[in-house]
Amino acid sequence: MEERIIKLESLAAQQDQTIGELNREIFRQQQDISKLKSRISRLEEKLAARLESEQIAGNERPPHY
């Protein structure tokens, strides 16, 4: 019976360690996701500004008219 309890305690300790490692990895991934979302937002803003300026330029008459 004592051997079984020791085995269960060892398993619980290993699971605690694994959960801690998973939590750290999830936290790191969430930081990466936040950075990527921010980067995508900036790129979308730049693209929208570029498309807007191209549309304005596209509606103007060429200088040779």
Protein backbone atom coordinates (compact mmCIF):
# COMPACT_ATOMS: atom_id res chain seq x y z
CA MET A 1 0.00 0.00 0.00
CA GLU A 2 2.83 2.42 0.87
CA GLU A 3 4.52 1.74 -2.46
CA ARG A 4 1.28 2.60 -4.25
CA ILE A 5 0.98 5.90 -2.35
CA ILE A 6 4.59 6.80 -3.19
CA LYS A 7 3.94 6.03 -6.85
CA LEU A 8 0.81 8.22 -6.84
CA GLU A 9 2.69 11.07 -5.13
CA SER A 10 5.45 10.81 -7.71
CA LEU A 11 2.91 10.88 -10.52
CA ALA A 12 1.21 13.93 -9.00
CA ALA A 13 4.56 15.73 -8.73
CA GLN A 14 5.34 14.97 -12.38
CA GLN A 15 1.92 16.24 -13.40
CA ASP A 16 2.46 19.46 -11.43
CA GLN A 17 5.75 19.97 -13.24
CA THR A 18 4.13 19.29 -16.61
CA ILE A 19 1.29 21.71 -15.87
CA GLY A 20 3.81 24.39 -14.91
CA GLU A 21 5.72 23.87 -18.15
CA LEU A 22 2.50 24.02 -20.18
CA ASN A 23 1.43 27.22 -18.42
CA ARG A 24 4.77 28.86 -19.22
CA GLU A 25 4.49 27.78 -22.86
CA ILE A 26 0.93 29.07 -23.13
CA PHE A 27 2.02 32.39 -21.63
CA ARG A 28 4.90 32.65 -24.13
CA GLN A 29 2.60 31.80 -27.02
CA GLN A 30 0.07 34.40 -25.88
CA GLN A 31 2.82 37.02 -25.87
CA ASP A 32 3.80 35.98 -29.40
CA ILE A 33 0.16 36.17 -30.53
CA SER A 34 -0.21 39.65 -29.06
CA LYS A 35 2.92 40.85 -30.85
CA LEU A 36 1.75 39.34 -34.13
CA LYS A 37 -1.70 40.92 -33.80
CA SER A 38 -0.10 44.29 -33.23
CA ARG A 39 2.17 43.82 -36.21
CA ILE A 40 -0.75 42.79 -38.43
CA SER A 41 -2.70 45.88 -37.35
CA ARG A 42 0.20 48.14 -38.29
CA LEU A 43 0.55 46.40 -41.66
CA GLU A 44 -3.19 46.75 -42.31
CA GLU A 45 -2.97 50.47 -41.55
CA LYS A 46 -0.01 50.89 -43.91
CA LEU A 47 -1.78 48.93 -46.64
CA ALA A 48 -4.98 50.94 -46.25
CA ALA A 49 -3.01 54.19 -46.45
CA ARG A 50 -1.17 53.00 -49.55
CA LEU A 51 -4.38 51.86 -51.26
CA GLU A 52 -6.03 55.16 -50.40
CA SER A 53 -3.18 57.16 -51.89
CA GLU A 54 -3.21 54.99 -55.03
CA GLN A 55 -6.95 55.54 -55.47
CA ILE A 56 -6.51 59.30 -55.18
CA ALA A 57 -3.63 59.24 -57.65
CA GLY A 58 -5.60 56.93 -59.97
CA ASN A 59 -8.45 59.47 -60.27
CA GLU A 60 -6.22 62.37 -61.28
CA ARG A 61 -5.61 63.27 -64.87
CA PRO A 62 -2.13 62.62 -66.16
CA PRO A 63 -0.02 65.78 -66.50
CA HIS A 64 0.09 65.61 -70.33
CA TYR A 65 -3.66 66.38 -70.69
